[in-house]
Amino acid sequence: MSKNQKKQQITFREAYQPPFHNSYGTIFSANHVMAFNLKSRLSDETVDRLLAILNGTSKEVVTKSEVTHKNGIIYFNEKEVFLIRGWGHLTGCGALNLPSETAARIQDEFAEWVVKRLTGKDQESIDSLKLRDALNVPELDYEKIKGDPLKGGKEDAAE
């Protein structure tokens, strides 16, 4: 297998490695790749809870919002929440140096994984949901988190 063929077989899990952490609205992976930016004002508590779901440290799932993705953006009820990043890491000559088509596939697969993970539809989450149900852990209800989670916190709830 040639070096180029090996590059084209790289998966999103190799490019974006959990655990993810927040740095002023930019979410980085454990391997220091810019994973996504926040596109909506979310409270720190909400961001932490979403990252806990993605990192597998929470058994919560998003059930009160429809979570979708299109063109590198993750939406909650059609509102832009996350912008998938990492193009420079994927395509840069000092990084993975992948062809554009491969990099686009990886970003799309990562976005799909984020949606599935947040909604509990990936296999790891399905296994975790069985445990969550057995332990009676509550679902994540955005309507009860400090006002509108897409606007921020309590200070935005009156808008």
Protein backbone atom coordinates (compact mmCIF):
# COMPACT_ATOMS: atom_id res chain seq x y z
CA MET A 1 0.00 0.00 0.00
CA SER A 2 1.40 3.36 -1.02
CA LYS A 3 1.82 6.30 1.35
CA ASN A 4 -0.98 8.17 -0.46
CA GLN A 5 -3.35 5.19 -0.08
CA LYS A 6 -2.61 5.05 3.65
CA LYS A 7 -3.37 8.78 3.96
CA GLN A 8 -6.72 8.31 2.25
CA GLN A 9 -7.65 5.61 4.78
CA ILE A 10 -7.24 7.91 7.80
CA THR A 11 -10.43 8.09 9.84
CA PHE A 12 -11.96 11.00 11.74
CA ARG A 13 -11.04 9.20 14.99
CA GLU A 14 -7.36 9.55 14.10
CA ALA A 15 -7.75 13.21 13.17
CA TYR A 16 -10.03 14.27 16.05
CA GLN A 17 -9.12 12.40 19.23
CA PRO A 18 -11.17 12.75 22.43
CA PRO A 19 -11.17 14.04 25.04
CA PHE A 20 -12.23 17.43 23.73
CA HIS A 21 -11.76 20.63 25.71
CA ASN A 22 -13.01 24.20 25.41
CA SER A 23 -10.67 27.15 25.05
CA TYR A 24 -12.67 30.38 24.80
CA GLY A 25 -15.25 28.99 22.38
CA THR A 26 -12.86 26.88 20.33
CA ILE A 27 -13.01 23.16 21.01
CA PHE A 28 -9.73 21.26 20.69
CA SER A 29 -9.12 17.53 20.56
CA ALA A 30 -6.61 15.68 22.75
CA ASN A 31 -4.13 15.75 19.87
CA HIS A 32 -4.40 19.58 19.76
CA VAL A 33 -6.50 19.74 16.59
CA MET A 34 -9.07 22.51 16.36
CA ALA A 35 -12.24 20.40 16.29
CA PHE A 36 -14.98 23.05 16.17
CA ASN A 37 -15.97 26.58 17.09
CA LEU A 38 -19.09 27.61 18.95
CA LYS A 39 -21.44 29.45 16.59
CA SER A 40 -24.02 30.26 19.29
CA ARG A 41 -23.66 31.65 22.77
CA LEU A 42 -23.90 28.73 25.15
CA SER A 43 -23.38 28.81 28.90
CA ASP A 44 -20.15 27.27 30.16
CA GLU A 45 -22.27 24.64 31.93
CA THR A 46 -23.98 23.66 28.66
CA VAL A 47 -20.68 23.47 26.76
CA ASP A 48 -19.20 21.35 29.54
CA ARG A 49 -22.18 19.01 29.44
CA LEU A 50 -22.00 18.67 25.65
CA LEU A 51 -18.26 17.96 25.81
CA ALA A 52 -18.87 15.37 28.55
CA ILE A 53 -21.26 13.58 26.17
CA LEU A 54 -18.70 13.69 23.34
CA ASN A 55 -15.91 12.58 25.68
CA GLY A 56 -17.98 9.67 26.97
CA THR A 57 -17.90 10.86 30.57
CA SER A 58 -21.64 11.59 30.69
CA LYS A 59 -24.55 9.29 30.05
CA GLU A 60 -26.78 12.22 29.08
CA VAL A 61 -28.12 12.62 25.55
CA VAL A 62 -29.73 15.51 23.72
CA THR A 63 -33.41 14.68 23.26
CA LYS A 64 -35.18 18.04 23.41
CA SER A 65 -33.49 19.46 20.29
CA GLU A 66 -33.23 18.03 16.79
CA VAL A 67 -29.49 17.74 16.17
CA THR A 68 -28.41 17.72 12.51
CA HIS A 69 -25.42 18.68 10.38
CA LYS A 70 -24.93 20.17 6.95
CA ASN A 71 -21.89 21.69 5.23
CA GLY A 72 -19.68 21.45 8.30
CA ILE A 73 -22.17 23.00 10.73
CA ILE A 74 -23.95 21.23 13.59
CA TYR A 75 -27.48 22.52 14.18
CA PHE A 76 -29.80 22.29 17.18
CA ASN A 77 -33.37 22.87 15.97
CA GLU A 78 -31.99 24.55 12.81
CA LYS A 79 -29.83 27.00 14.83
CA GLU A 80 -26.10 26.92 14.13
CA VAL A 81 -24.23 25.65 17.19
CA PHE A 82 -20.85 24.23 16.08
CA LEU A 83 -18.64 24.87 13.05
CA ILE A 84 -16.40 21.89 12.25
CA ARG A 85 -12.74 22.94 12.01
CA GLY A 86 -9.37 21.31 11.48
CA TRP A 87 -9.01 21.81 7.71
CA GLY A 88 -5.47 23.12 8.10
CA HIS A 89 -4.47 20.08 10.13
CA LEU A 90 -6.04 17.74 7.61
CA THR A 91 -4.64 19.35 4.44
CA GLY A 92 -1.56 21.29 5.58
CA CYS A 93 1.87 20.24 4.36
CA GLY A 94 3.18 20.45 7.94
CA ALA A 95 0.39 18.22 9.21
CA LEU A 96 -1.52 15.32 7.60
CA ASN A 97 -1.25 16.72 4.05
CA LEU A 98 -4.37 14.91 2.89
CA PRO A 99 -6.09 15.40 -0.46
CA SER A 100 -9.09 17.75 -0.25
CA GLU A 101 -11.57 14.94 -0.97
CA THR A 102 -10.21 12.85 1.92
CA ALA A 103 -10.19 15.82 4.29
CA ALA A 104 -13.80 16.67 3.38
CA ARG A 105 -14.83 13.04 3.99
CA ILE A 106 -13.14 13.05 7.40
CA GLN A 107 -14.85 16.29 8.43
CA ASP A 108 -18.23 14.94 7.26
CA GLU A 109 -17.70 11.69 9.19
CA PHE A 110 -16.69 13.66 12.27
CA ALA A 111 -19.81 15.83 12.04
CA GLU A 112 -21.97 12.71 11.67
CA TRP A 113 -20.28 11.15 14.72
CA VAL A 114 -20.88 14.34 16.77
CA VAL A 115 -24.59 14.26 15.90
CA LYS A 116 -24.89 10.55 16.67
CA ARG A 117 -22.91 10.87 19.90
CA LEU A 118 -24.94 13.83 21.18
CA THR A 119 -28.21 12.07 20.40
CA GLY A 120 -27.12 8.67 21.70
CA LYS A 121 -27.27 6.97 18.30
CA ASP A 122 -23.68 5.75 18.00
CA GLN A 123 -22.90 2.25 19.27
CA GLU A 124 -20.90 3.48 22.28
CA SER A 125 -23.80 5.71 23.26
CA ILE A 126 -26.33 2.93 22.72
CA ASP A 127 -24.35 0.76 25.13
CA SER A 128 -24.09 3.69 27.55
CA LEU A 129 -27.84 4.35 27.27
CA LYS A 130 -28.55 0.82 28.43
CA LEU A 131 -26.40 1.57 31.47
CA ARG A 132 -27.99 5.01 31.89
CA ASP A 133 -31.45 3.50 31.89
CA ALA A 134 -30.37 0.86 34.38
CA LEU A 135 -28.96 3.59 36.66
CA ASN A 136 -31.89 5.98 35.97
CA VAL A 137 -29.66 8.89 34.82
CA PRO A 138 -31.75 11.84 33.50
CA GLU A 139 -31.77 13.03 29.88
CA LEU A 140 -30.33 16.44 29.02
CA ASP A 141 -33.23 18.90 28.76
CA TYR A 142 -32.11 22.19 27.23
CA GLU A 143 -35.32 23.96 28.21
CA LYS A 144 -34.28 23.65 31.88
CA ILE A 145 -30.67 24.83 31.55
CA LYS A 146 -30.32 28.47 32.59
CA GLY A 147 -32.73 29.94 30.05
CA ASP A 148 -32.27 29.44 26.32
CA PRO A 149 -29.08 27.40 25.80
CA LEU A 150 -28.65 28.86 22.33
CA LYS A 151 -28.49 32.37 23.76
CA GLY A 152 -26.32 31.76 26.80
CA GLY A 153 -27.48 31.72 30.37
CA LYS A 154 -29.98 33.20 32.79
CA GLU A 155 -29.11 36.72 31.71
CA ASP A 156 -30.45 35.94 28.24
CA ALA A 157 -33.61 34.16 29.34
CA ALA A 158 -35.64 37.43 29.45
CA GLU A 159 -34.83 38.37 25.81
